[in-house]
Amino acid sequence: MAVTKTLPQSTVEAAVESGMRLFGENRVQEAVEKYHDLRESVELHLIGHLQRNKAKVAAGFFDWVQSIDKSETAEHLDKRAADGGKRIEVLLEVNTSGEESKFGVRIEDDLWSLIEQIIPLDYTEMRGLMTIGPFTDNEQRLRASFSHLRHLFEKAKGIFPDLPFDTLSMGMSNDYEIAVEEGSTLVRIGTALFGARQTT
């Protein structure tokens, strides 16, 4: 996945012209501004935290939301998806690093509870799990974070065999090789593709 946070629309257009089709954005409004003319050409994922007041726009604009960690957010997103008659694919975000600055479910039992609360939603399809690795160069800590998510992913498939869990989103420009070794099926790459992020 090509992550285009803070990059101009011209960069996105060039990426599409080069053949890229899977993109991730962190902010709803920024995505709308950059991708409004490109929605038919790409698959677009929201990978940043979703605020409830942005759920209506997110449900109508994104194909996937990778950052669900509360049932209330999922329920609100589901209602908005229903309003538009559109199903929304989601990943559940797990905080595997223990860092206070990160969103995500922290306790295993809370993850199972969250899944159980989302299962009845009619317009929401759970496809797997997502995590952001710790901000560190320590390979052991990174590997432990990704390994833990893979463990939860496999356990979830055993507990909830009817769910179409097929996506394990983990790994970014600085740690994607370790993430792939630990089982990632989707890496979110920005800097390695486009260079250093622009400041806003």
N, C-alpha and C. Protein backbone atom coordinates (compact mmCIF):
# COMPACT_ATOMS: atom_id res chain seq x y z
N MET A 1 0.83 -1.19 0.00
CA MET A 1 0.00 0.00 0.00
C MET A 1 0.87 1.25 0.00
N ALA A 2 0.54 2.19 -0.89
CA ALA A 2 1.25 3.47 -0.94
C ALA A 2 0.55 4.45 0.00
N VAL A 3 1.29 4.98 0.96
CA VAL A 3 0.73 5.93 1.94
C VAL A 3 1.13 7.34 1.52
N THR A 4 0.10 8.19 1.36
CA THR A 4 0.34 9.52 0.77
C THR A 4 0.03 10.66 1.73
N LYS A 5 0.10 10.41 3.01
CA LYS A 5 -0.13 11.46 4.00
C LYS A 5 0.78 12.65 3.74
N THR A 6 0.20 13.84 3.70
CA THR A 6 0.85 15.15 3.51
C THR A 6 1.41 15.38 2.11
N LEU A 7 1.34 14.38 1.23
CA LEU A 7 1.87 14.56 -0.12
C LEU A 7 0.83 15.25 -1.00
N PRO A 8 1.28 16.03 -1.97
CA PRO A 8 0.33 16.77 -2.81
C PRO A 8 -0.41 15.85 -3.79
N GLN A 9 -1.52 16.35 -4.31
CA GLN A 9 -2.32 15.59 -5.25
C GLN A 9 -1.51 15.21 -6.48
N SER A 10 -0.60 16.06 -6.89
CA SER A 10 0.22 15.76 -8.07
C SER A 10 1.03 14.49 -7.88
N THR A 11 1.50 14.25 -6.65
CA THR A 11 2.25 13.02 -6.36
C THR A 11 1.35 11.81 -6.46
N VAL A 12 0.14 11.93 -5.93
CA VAL A 12 -0.83 10.84 -6.03
C VAL A 12 -1.14 10.53 -7.48
N GLU A 13 -1.37 11.56 -8.28
CA GLU A 13 -1.69 11.36 -9.69
C GLU A 13 -0.54 10.67 -10.42
N ALA A 14 0.68 11.06 -10.09
CA ALA A 14 1.85 10.42 -10.71
C ALA A 14 1.94 8.95 -10.30
N ALA A 15 1.62 8.67 -9.04
CA ALA A 15 1.65 7.28 -8.57
C ALA A 15 0.60 6.44 -9.30
N VAL A 16 -0.58 7.00 -9.48
CA VAL A 16 -1.63 6.28 -10.21
C VAL A 16 -1.21 6.04 -11.65
N GLU A 17 -0.62 7.05 -12.28
CA GLU A 17 -0.16 6.91 -13.66
C GLU A 17 0.93 5.83 -13.79
N SER A 18 1.70 5.65 -12.70
CA SER A 18 2.77 4.64 -12.73
C SER A 18 2.24 3.23 -12.50
N GLY A 19 0.96 3.12 -12.14
CA GLY A 19 0.35 1.80 -11.97
C GLY A 19 -0.07 1.45 -10.57
N MET A 20 0.18 2.30 -9.60
CA MET A 20 -0.25 2.02 -8.23
C MET A 20 -1.77 2.14 -8.12
N ARG A 21 -2.36 1.23 -7.36
CA ARG A 21 -3.82 1.25 -7.22
C ARG A 21 -4.30 1.18 -5.77
N LEU A 22 -3.43 0.80 -4.85
CA LEU A 22 -3.81 0.66 -3.45
C LEU A 22 -3.14 1.76 -2.63
N PHE A 23 -3.97 2.61 -2.00
CA PHE A 23 -3.45 3.77 -1.29
C PHE A 23 -4.03 3.86 0.13
N GLY A 24 -3.24 4.47 1.01
CA GLY A 24 -3.68 4.71 2.38
C GLY A 24 -3.52 6.17 2.75
N GLU A 25 -4.50 6.69 3.49
CA GLU A 25 -4.45 8.07 3.97
C GLU A 25 -4.78 8.09 5.46
N ASN A 26 -4.19 9.05 6.17
CA ASN A 26 -4.40 9.13 7.62
C ASN A 26 -5.59 9.97 8.02
N ARG A 27 -5.93 10.95 7.20
CA ARG A 27 -6.97 11.91 7.58
C ARG A 27 -8.08 11.94 6.54
N VAL A 28 -9.30 11.98 7.02
CA VAL A 28 -10.46 11.92 6.13
C VAL A 28 -10.48 13.10 5.18
N GLN A 29 -10.41 14.32 5.71
CA GLN A 29 -10.56 15.49 4.87
C GLN A 29 -9.43 15.61 3.86
N GLU A 30 -8.21 15.30 4.28
CA GLU A 30 -7.08 15.35 3.35
C GLU A 30 -7.28 14.38 2.20
N ALA A 31 -7.80 13.21 2.51
CA ALA A 31 -8.05 12.21 1.47
C ALA A 31 -9.11 12.69 0.48
N VAL A 32 -10.17 13.28 0.99
CA VAL A 32 -11.24 13.78 0.12
C VAL A 32 -10.69 14.84 -0.84
N GLU A 33 -9.86 15.71 -0.33
CA GLU A 33 -9.31 16.78 -1.16
C GLU A 33 -8.40 16.24 -2.25
N LYS A 34 -7.63 15.19 -1.95
CA LYS A 34 -6.64 14.69 -2.91
C LYS A 34 -7.20 13.64 -3.87
N TYR A 35 -8.18 12.87 -3.41
CA TYR A 35 -8.62 11.72 -4.18
C TYR A 35 -10.00 11.88 -4.82
N HIS A 36 -10.62 13.07 -4.70
CA HIS A 36 -11.99 13.21 -5.18
C HIS A 36 -12.13 12.92 -6.67
N ASP A 37 -11.09 13.19 -7.44
CA ASP A 37 -11.14 12.92 -8.87
C ASP A 37 -10.57 11.55 -9.25
N LEU A 38 -10.11 10.80 -8.25
CA LEU A 38 -9.42 9.54 -8.53
C LEU A 38 -10.11 8.31 -7.95
N ARG A 39 -11.27 8.50 -7.34
CA ARG A 39 -11.87 7.40 -6.58
C ARG A 39 -12.18 6.17 -7.44
N GLU A 40 -12.50 6.38 -8.71
CA GLU A 40 -12.81 5.23 -9.57
C GLU A 40 -11.55 4.48 -9.98
N SER A 41 -10.39 5.09 -9.74
CA SER A 41 -9.13 4.51 -10.22
C SER A 41 -8.37 3.75 -9.14
N VAL A 42 -8.75 3.92 -7.87
CA VAL A 42 -7.94 3.38 -6.78
C VAL A 42 -8.80 2.70 -5.72
N GLU A 43 -8.13 1.87 -4.92
CA GLU A 43 -8.72 1.36 -3.67
C GLU A 43 -8.10 2.19 -2.55
N LEU A 44 -8.95 2.77 -1.72
CA LEU A 44 -8.47 3.73 -0.72
C LEU A 44 -8.82 3.26 0.69
N HIS A 45 -7.80 3.24 1.55
CA HIS A 45 -7.96 2.82 2.94
C HIS A 45 -7.70 4.00 3.88
N LEU A 46 -8.52 4.13 4.90
CA LEU A 46 -8.22 5.05 6.00
C LEU A 46 -7.37 4.29 7.00
N ILE A 47 -6.15 4.78 7.24
CA ILE A 47 -5.26 4.07 8.17
C ILE A 47 -5.03 4.85 9.45
N GLY A 48 -5.54 6.08 9.51
CA GLY A 48 -5.43 6.88 10.72
C GLY A 48 -6.66 6.72 11.59
N HIS A 49 -6.57 7.27 12.79
CA HIS A 49 -7.68 7.18 13.75
C HIS A 49 -8.92 7.86 13.19
N LEU A 50 -10.06 7.20 13.34
CA LEU A 50 -11.32 7.74 12.86
C LEU A 50 -12.11 8.37 14.00
N GLN A 51 -12.36 9.67 13.87
CA GLN A 51 -13.23 10.35 14.82
C GLN A 51 -14.68 10.12 14.41
N ARG A 52 -15.55 9.98 15.40
CA ARG A 52 -16.93 9.62 15.12
C ARG A 52 -17.62 10.64 14.21
N ASN A 53 -17.26 11.91 14.36
CA ASN A 53 -17.91 12.92 13.54
C ASN A 53 -17.46 12.89 12.08
N LYS A 54 -16.46 12.06 11.78
CA LYS A 54 -16.00 11.90 10.40
C LYS A 54 -16.53 10.60 9.79
N ALA A 55 -17.34 9.86 10.54
CA ALA A 55 -17.77 8.53 10.10
C ALA A 55 -18.61 8.58 8.83
N LYS A 56 -19.46 9.59 8.72
CA LYS A 56 -20.33 9.68 7.54
C LYS A 56 -19.51 9.83 6.27
N VAL A 57 -18.56 10.75 6.29
CA VAL A 57 -17.71 10.96 5.12
C VAL A 57 -16.84 9.74 4.86
N ALA A 58 -16.29 9.17 5.92
CA ALA A 58 -15.42 8.00 5.77
C ALA A 58 -16.16 6.82 5.15
N ALA A 59 -17.38 6.59 5.59
CA ALA A 59 -18.16 5.46 5.09
C ALA A 59 -18.44 5.61 3.60
N GLY A 60 -18.65 6.84 3.16
CA GLY A 60 -18.96 7.06 1.76
C GLY A 60 -17.76 7.15 0.85
N PHE A 61 -16.60 7.46 1.43
CA PHE A 61 -15.43 7.77 0.59
C PHE A 61 -14.38 6.66 0.55
N PHE A 62 -14.18 5.97 1.67
CA PHE A 62 -13.14 4.94 1.74
C PHE A 62 -13.70 3.56 1.45
N ASP A 63 -12.83 2.69 0.94
CA ASP A 63 -13.19 1.29 0.75
C ASP A 63 -12.99 0.49 2.04
N TRP A 64 -11.93 0.83 2.77
CA TRP A 64 -11.61 0.15 4.03
C TRP A 64 -11.29 1.20 5.09
N VAL A 65 -11.55 0.83 6.35
CA VAL A 65 -11.06 1.58 7.51
C VAL A 65 -10.23 0.61 8.33
N GLN A 66 -8.94 0.91 8.50
CA GLN A 66 -8.02 -0.02 9.16
C GLN A 66 -7.85 0.24 10.65
N SER A 67 -8.59 1.17 11.22
CA SER A 67 -8.25 1.65 12.56
C SER A 67 -9.40 1.57 13.56
N ILE A 68 -10.21 0.52 13.46
CA ILE A 68 -11.33 0.38 14.38
C ILE A 68 -10.84 -0.23 15.70
N ASP A 69 -11.08 0.47 16.81
CA ASP A 69 -10.70 -0.08 18.11
C ASP A 69 -11.79 0.09 19.17
N LYS A 70 -12.96 0.61 18.74
CA LYS A 70 -14.09 0.77 19.67
C LYS A 70 -15.37 0.36 18.96
N SER A 71 -16.24 -0.33 19.69
CA SER A 71 -17.51 -0.76 19.09
C SER A 71 -18.37 0.43 18.70
N GLU A 72 -18.30 1.51 19.48
CA GLU A 72 -19.11 2.69 19.17
C GLU A 72 -18.74 3.28 17.81
N THR A 73 -17.45 3.30 17.52
CA THR A 73 -17.00 3.82 16.23
C THR A 73 -17.49 2.91 15.10
N ALA A 74 -17.37 1.60 15.29
CA ALA A 74 -17.83 0.65 14.28
C ALA A 74 -19.33 0.78 14.04
N GLU A 75 -20.09 0.93 15.12
CA GLU A 75 -21.54 1.05 14.99
C GLU A 75 -21.93 2.32 14.23
N HIS A 76 -21.24 3.40 14.53
CA HIS A 76 -21.52 4.67 13.85
C HIS A 76 -21.15 4.56 12.37
N LEU A 77 -20.01 3.95 12.08
CA LEU A 77 -19.58 3.76 10.70
C LEU A 77 -20.57 2.88 9.95
N ASP A 78 -21.06 1.84 10.61
CA ASP A 78 -22.01 0.91 10.01
C ASP A 78 -23.31 1.62 9.65
N LYS A 79 -23.79 2.47 10.53
CA LYS A 79 -25.03 3.21 10.25
C LYS A 79 -24.85 4.12 9.04
N ARG A 80 -23.71 4.76 8.98
CA ARG A 80 -23.45 5.65 7.85
C ARG A 80 -23.28 4.87 6.55
N ALA A 81 -22.66 3.70 6.64
CA ALA A 81 -22.54 2.85 5.45
C ALA A 81 -23.92 2.38 5.00
N ALA A 82 -24.78 2.05 5.95
CA ALA A 82 -26.15 1.63 5.63
C ALA A 82 -26.90 2.75 4.92
N ASP A 83 -26.70 3.97 5.38
CA ASP A 83 -27.38 5.12 4.76
C ASP A 83 -27.04 5.22 3.28
N GLY A 84 -25.80 4.86 2.95
CA GLY A 84 -25.36 4.93 1.56
C GLY A 84 -25.50 3.62 0.81
N GLY A 85 -26.01 2.60 1.49
CA GLY A 85 -26.17 1.29 0.86
C GLY A 85 -24.86 0.65 0.45
N LYS A 86 -23.82 0.90 1.22
CA LYS A 86 -22.48 0.43 0.86
C LYS A 86 -21.85 -0.32 2.02
N ARG A 87 -21.27 -1.48 1.75
CA ARG A 87 -20.54 -2.22 2.77
C ARG A 87 -19.16 -1.60 2.96
N ILE A 88 -18.65 -1.67 4.19
CA ILE A 88 -17.34 -1.12 4.50
C ILE A 88 -16.46 -2.23 5.10
N GLU A 89 -15.28 -2.39 4.55
CA GLU A 89 -14.34 -3.38 5.06
C GLU A 89 -13.52 -2.73 6.18
N VAL A 90 -13.31 -3.45 7.27
CA VAL A 90 -12.55 -2.87 8.38
C VAL A 90 -11.50 -3.84 8.91
N LEU A 91 -10.46 -3.25 9.48
CA LEU A 91 -9.49 -3.97 10.28
C LEU A 91 -9.57 -3.44 11.70
N LEU A 92 -9.29 -4.30 12.66
CA LEU A 92 -9.30 -3.90 14.05
C LEU A 92 -7.88 -3.55 14.47
N GLU A 93 -7.72 -2.37 15.03
CA GLU A 93 -6.38 -1.92 15.41
C GLU A 93 -6.02 -2.41 16.81
N VAL A 94 -4.86 -3.02 16.92
CA VAL A 94 -4.38 -3.55 18.19
C VAL A 94 -3.09 -2.81 18.56
N ASN A 95 -3.02 -2.35 19.79
CA ASN A 95 -1.81 -1.69 20.29
C ASN A 95 -0.89 -2.77 20.84
N THR A 96 0.07 -3.19 20.02
CA THR A 96 0.97 -4.27 20.42
C THR A 96 2.27 -3.76 21.02
N SER A 97 2.45 -2.44 21.02
CA SER A 97 3.70 -1.88 21.52
C SER A 97 3.58 -1.39 22.96
N GLY A 98 2.35 -1.16 23.43
CA GLY A 98 2.13 -0.63 24.76
C GLY A 98 2.41 0.85 24.88
N GLU A 99 2.66 1.52 23.77
CA GLU A 99 2.96 2.94 23.80
C GLU A 99 1.68 3.76 23.99
N GLU A 100 1.73 4.67 24.93
CA GLU A 100 0.55 5.46 25.27
C GLU A 100 0.10 6.35 24.12
N SER A 101 1.01 6.71 23.23
CA SER A 101 0.68 7.62 22.14
C SER A 101 -0.13 6.95 21.03
N LYS A 102 -0.26 5.64 21.09
CA LYS A 102 -0.93 4.91 20.02
C LYS A 102 -2.36 4.51 20.41
N PHE A 103 -3.22 4.48 19.40
CA PHE A 103 -4.57 3.95 19.59
C PHE A 103 -4.51 2.43 19.48
N GLY A 104 -5.65 1.78 19.68
CA GLY A 104 -5.72 0.34 19.50
C GLY A 104 -6.10 -0.40 20.76
N VAL A 105 -6.70 -1.56 20.58
CA VAL A 105 -7.07 -2.44 21.69
C VAL A 105 -5.80 -2.96 22.34
N ARG A 106 -5.76 -2.96 23.66
CA ARG A 106 -4.55 -3.36 24.37
C ARG A 106 -4.66 -4.75 25.01
N ILE A 107 -5.86 -5.14 25.38
CA ILE A 107 -6.06 -6.37 26.13
C ILE A 107 -6.73 -7.41 25.24
N GLU A 108 -6.22 -8.62 25.27
CA GLU A 108 -6.72 -9.67 24.38
C GLU A 108 -8.22 -9.90 24.53
N ASP A 109 -8.70 -10.00 25.75
CA ASP A 109 -10.13 -10.24 25.96
C ASP A 109 -10.98 -9.10 25.41
N ASP A 110 -10.43 -7.89 25.42
CA ASP A 110 -11.15 -6.75 24.85
C ASP A 110 -11.27 -6.89 23.33
N LEU A 111 -10.28 -7.52 22.71
CA LEU A 111 -10.34 -7.74 21.27
C LEU A 111 -11.45 -8.73 20.93
N TRP A 112 -11.55 -9.80 21.70
CA TRP A 112 -12.63 -10.78 21.43
C TRP A 112 -14.00 -10.13 21.66
N SER A 113 -14.09 -9.32 22.68
CA SER A 113 -15.35 -8.62 22.95
C SER A 113 -15.71 -7.67 21.81
N LEU A 114 -14.72 -6.96 21.30
CA LEU A 114 -14.95 -6.04 20.19
C LEU A 114 -15.44 -6.79 18.96
N ILE A 115 -14.81 -7.90 18.66
CA ILE A 115 -15.24 -8.71 17.51
C ILE A 115 -16.69 -9.14 17.68
N GLU A 116 -17.02 -9.62 18.87
CA GLU A 116 -18.39 -10.08 19.12
C GLU A 116 -19.42 -8.96 18.95
N GLN A 117 -19.03 -7.74 19.30
CA GLN A 117 -19.94 -6.61 19.17
C GLN A 117 -20.09 -6.14 17.72
N ILE A 118 -19.08 -6.39 16.90
CA ILE A 118 -19.14 -5.95 15.51
C ILE A 118 -19.79 -6.99 14.60
N ILE A 119 -19.71 -8.25 14.96
CA ILE A 119 -20.27 -9.33 14.14
C ILE A 119 -21.70 -9.05 13.69
N PRO A 120 -22.60 -8.57 14.58
CA PRO A 120 -23.99 -8.37 14.15
C PRO A 120 -24.22 -7.22 13.17
N LEU A 121 -23.24 -6.36 12.98
CA LEU A 121 -23.43 -5.20 12.12
C LEU A 121 -23.59 -5.65 10.66
N ASP A 122 -24.58 -5.10 10.00
CA ASP A 122 -24.97 -5.58 8.67
C ASP A 122 -24.09 -5.07 7.54
N TYR A 123 -23.50 -3.89 7.71
CA TYR A 123 -22.76 -3.28 6.61
C TYR A 123 -21.26 -3.22 6.85
N THR A 124 -20.81 -3.92 7.89
CA THR A 124 -19.40 -3.92 8.25
C THR A 124 -18.81 -5.32 8.12
N GLU A 125 -17.73 -5.44 7.39
CA GLU A 125 -17.05 -6.72 7.17
C GLU A 125 -15.67 -6.66 7.80
N MET A 126 -15.45 -7.45 8.86
CA MET A 126 -14.14 -7.51 9.48
C MET A 126 -13.22 -8.40 8.67
N ARG A 127 -12.06 -7.88 8.28
CA ARG A 127 -11.15 -8.62 7.42
C ARG A 127 -9.83 -8.99 8.10
N GLY A 128 -9.60 -8.48 9.32
CA GLY A 128 -8.36 -8.84 9.99
C GLY A 128 -7.93 -7.80 11.00
N LEU A 129 -6.60 -7.75 11.23
CA LEU A 129 -6.04 -6.91 12.28
C LEU A 129 -4.95 -5.99 11.73
N MET A 130 -4.75 -4.89 12.44
CA MET A 130 -3.70 -3.91 12.09
C MET A 130 -2.97 -3.48 13.35
N THR A 131 -1.68 -3.21 13.20
CA THR A 131 -0.92 -2.61 14.29
C THR A 131 0.14 -1.68 13.73
N ILE A 132 0.58 -0.77 14.57
CA ILE A 132 1.73 0.10 14.26
C ILE A 132 2.85 -0.33 15.20
N GLY A 133 3.97 -0.71 14.63
CA GLY A 133 5.08 -1.19 15.45
C GLY A 133 5.63 -0.09 16.34
N PRO A 134 6.38 -0.46 17.36
CA PRO A 134 6.97 0.54 18.25
C PRO A 134 7.95 1.44 17.50
N PHE A 135 8.05 2.68 17.93
CA PHE A 135 9.00 3.62 17.32
C PHE A 135 10.39 3.35 17.89
N THR A 136 11.07 2.38 17.28
CA THR A 136 12.37 1.96 17.78
C THR A 136 13.15 1.28 16.66
N ASP A 137 14.46 1.26 16.81
CA ASP A 137 15.31 0.49 15.90
C ASP A 137 15.63 -0.89 16.47
N ASN A 138 15.06 -1.19 17.64
CA ASN A 138 15.32 -2.46 18.31
C ASN A 138 14.56 -3.57 17.59
N GLU A 139 15.29 -4.39 16.85
CA GLU A 139 14.63 -5.44 16.06
C GLU A 139 13.85 -6.42 16.93
N GLN A 140 14.36 -6.71 18.11
CA GLN A 140 13.68 -7.66 18.99
C GLN A 140 12.29 -7.14 19.39
N ARG A 141 12.22 -5.85 19.73
CA ARG A 141 10.93 -5.27 20.11
C ARG A 141 9.97 -5.22 18.92
N LEU A 142 10.48 -4.87 17.76
CA LEU A 142 9.65 -4.84 16.56
C LEU A 142 9.11 -6.23 16.23
N ARG A 143 10.01 -7.19 16.26
CA ARG A 143 9.60 -8.55 15.93
C ARG A 143 8.57 -9.07 16.93
N ALA A 144 8.74 -8.75 18.20
CA ALA A 144 7.79 -9.20 19.22
C ALA A 144 6.42 -8.58 19.00
N SER A 145 6.39 -7.31 18.60
CA SER A 145 5.14 -6.62 18.34
C SER A 145 4.38 -7.28 17.18
N PHE A 146 5.08 -7.55 16.10
CA PHE A 146 4.45 -8.15 14.93
C PHE A 146 4.08 -9.61 15.18
N SER A 147 4.93 -10.32 15.88
CA SER A 147 4.65 -11.72 16.21
C SER A 147 3.39 -11.83 17.08
N HIS A 148 3.24 -10.88 17.99
CA HIS A 148 2.07 -10.90 18.85
C HIS A 148 0.79 -10.69 18.04
N LEU A 149 0.84 -9.77 17.08
CA LEU A 149 -0.36 -9.55 16.26
C LEU A 149 -0.67 -10.79 15.43
N ARG A 150 0.36 -11.44 14.90
CA ARG A 150 0.13 -12.66 14.12
C ARG A 150 -0.51 -13.74 15.00
N HIS A 151 -0.06 -13.83 16.24
CA HIS A 151 -0.65 -14.79 17.18
C HIS A 151 -2.13 -14.50 17.41
N LEU A 152 -2.46 -13.23 17.61
CA LEU A 152 -3.86 -12.86 17.81
C LEU A 152 -4.68 -13.11 16.56
N PHE A 153 -4.10 -12.86 15.41
CA PHE A 153 -4.76 -13.07 14.13
C PHE A 153 -5.14 -14.55 13.96
N GLU A 154 -4.19 -15.42 14.21
CA GLU A 154 -4.44 -16.85 14.07
C GLU A 154 -5.44 -17.33 15.13
N LYS A 155 -5.33 -16.80 16.33
CA LYS A 155 -6.25 -17.18 17.40
C LYS A 155 -7.67 -16.72 17.07
N ALA A 156 -7.79 -15.51 16.52
CA ALA A 156 -9.11 -14.98 16.15
C ALA A 156 -9.76 -15.86 15.10
N LYS A 157 -8.98 -16.34 14.14
CA LYS A 157 -9.53 -17.21 13.10
C LYS A 157 -10.02 -18.52 13.68
N GLY A 158 -9.38 -18.97 14.77
CA GLY A 158 -9.83 -20.19 15.43
C GLY A 158 -11.09 -19.99 16.25
N ILE A 159 -11.17 -18.86 16.94
CA ILE A 159 -12.33 -18.56 17.79
C ILE A 159 -13.55 -18.19 16.95
N PHE A 160 -13.30 -17.48 15.86
CA PHE A 160 -14.40 -16.99 14.99
C PHE A 160 -14.18 -17.51 13.56
N PRO A 161 -14.37 -18.82 13.35
CA PRO A 161 -14.02 -19.42 12.06
C PRO A 161 -14.85 -18.93 10.88
N ASP A 162 -15.99 -18.32 11.14
CA ASP A 162 -16.84 -17.85 10.05
C ASP A 162 -16.46 -16.46 9.53
N LEU A 163 -15.56 -15.79 10.23
CA LEU A 163 -15.15 -14.47 9.79
C LEU A 163 -14.15 -14.57 8.63
N PRO A 164 -14.25 -13.68 7.66
CA PRO A 164 -13.32 -13.72 6.52
C PRO A 164 -12.00 -13.03 6.83
N PHE A 165 -11.33 -13.47 7.90
CA PHE A 165 -10.06 -12.86 8.30
C PHE A 165 -8.98 -13.30 7.31
N ASP A 166 -8.48 -12.34 6.52
CA ASP A 166 -7.43 -12.67 5.55
C ASP A 166 -6.35 -11.59 5.46
N THR A 167 -6.46 -10.55 6.30
CA THR A 167 -5.54 -9.42 6.17
C THR A 167 -4.86 -9.10 7.49
N LEU A 168 -3.54 -9.05 7.44
CA LEU A 168 -2.72 -8.71 8.60
C LEU A 168 -1.88 -7.51 8.19
N SER A 169 -2.33 -6.32 8.59
CA SER A 169 -1.70 -5.08 8.16
C SER A 169 -0.69 -4.63 9.20
N MET A 170 0.58 -4.78 8.87
CA MET A 170 1.64 -4.36 9.79
C MET A 170 2.92 -4.17 9.00
N GLY A 171 3.64 -3.14 9.41
CA GLY A 171 4.90 -2.82 8.75
C GLY A 171 4.81 -1.54 7.94
N MET A 172 5.81 -0.65 8.16
CA MET A 172 5.91 0.59 7.42
C MET A 172 7.32 0.70 6.84
N SER A 173 7.68 1.87 6.32
CA SER A 173 8.95 1.99 5.59
C SER A 173 10.15 1.53 6.40
N ASN A 174 10.15 1.79 7.71
CA ASN A 174 11.32 1.50 8.53
C ASN A 174 11.37 0.07 9.06
N ASP A 175 10.26 -0.67 8.94
CA ASP A 175 10.24 -2.00 9.58
C ASP A 175 9.49 -3.06 8.77
N TYR A 176 9.18 -2.77 7.52
CA TYR A 176 8.32 -3.68 6.76
C TYR A 176 8.96 -5.04 6.52
N GLU A 177 10.29 -5.10 6.41
CA GLU A 177 10.93 -6.39 6.16
C GLU A 177 10.71 -7.34 7.34
N ILE A 178 10.83 -6.81 8.55
CA ILE A 178 10.57 -7.62 9.74
C ILE A 178 9.11 -8.02 9.79
N ALA A 179 8.22 -7.09 9.45
CA ALA A 179 6.79 -7.38 9.47
C ALA A 179 6.44 -8.50 8.50
N VAL A 180 7.02 -8.46 7.32
CA VAL A 180 6.75 -9.51 6.33
C VAL A 180 7.26 -10.86 6.83
N GLU A 181 8.43 -10.85 7.45
CA GLU A 181 8.97 -12.09 8.01
C GLU A 181 8.06 -12.66 9.09
N GLU A 182 7.33 -11.77 9.77
CA GLU A 182 6.44 -12.21 10.85
C GLU A 182 5.01 -12.44 10.37
N GLY A 183 4.78 -12.35 9.06
CA GLY A 183 3.49 -12.76 8.53
C GLY A 183 2.60 -11.68 7.97
N SER A 184 3.09 -10.46 7.86
CA SER A 184 2.25 -9.38 7.31
C SER A 184 1.79 -9.71 5.90
N THR A 185 0.52 -9.40 5.63
CA THR A 185 -0.01 -9.55 4.27
C THR A 185 -0.20 -8.20 3.60
N LEU A 186 -0.02 -7.12 4.37
CA LEU A 186 -0.20 -5.77 3.82
C LEU A 186 0.73 -4.81 4.54
N VAL A 187 1.65 -4.21 3.81
CA VAL A 187 2.57 -3.23 4.40
C VAL A 187 2.18 -1.84 3.91
N ARG A 188 2.36 -0.86 4.78
CA ARG A 188 1.93 0.51 4.50
C ARG A 188 3.18 1.37 4.29
N ILE A 189 3.48 1.69 3.04
CA ILE A 189 4.77 2.30 2.69
C ILE A 189 4.58 3.72 2.16
N GLY A 190 5.21 4.67 2.83
CA GLY A 190 5.19 6.04 2.38
C GLY A 190 6.57 6.55 2.04
N THR A 191 7.40 6.75 3.06
CA THR A 191 8.73 7.33 2.88
C THR A 191 9.60 6.55 1.89
N ALA A 192 9.55 5.22 1.96
CA ALA A 192 10.39 4.42 1.06
C ALA A 192 10.00 4.58 -0.40
N LEU A 193 8.75 4.98 -0.65
CA LEU A 193 8.28 5.21 -2.02
C LEU A 193 8.45 6.65 -2.47
N PHE A 194 8.13 7.57 -1.57
CA PHE A 194 8.00 8.97 -1.98
C PHE A 194 9.06 9.90 -1.38
N GLY A 195 9.89 9.39 -0.48
CA GLY A 195 10.86 10.24 0.18
C GLY A 195 10.30 10.78 1.48
N ALA A 196 11.09 11.66 2.12
CA ALA A 196 10.71 12.18 3.42
C ALA A 196 9.38 12.91 3.35
N ARG A 197 8.57 12.71 4.39
CA ARG A 197 7.25 13.32 4.47
C ARG A 197 7.35 14.83 4.58
N GLN A 198 6.46 15.49 3.89
CA GLN A 198 6.39 16.95 4.00
C GLN A 198 5.72 17.34 5.32
N THR A 199 6.14 18.42 5.89
CA THR A 199 5.53 18.89 7.13
C THR A 199 4.34 19.78 6.81
N THR A 200 3.37 19.80 7.76
CA THR A 200 2.17 20.60 7.55
C THR A 200 2.01 21.56 8.71
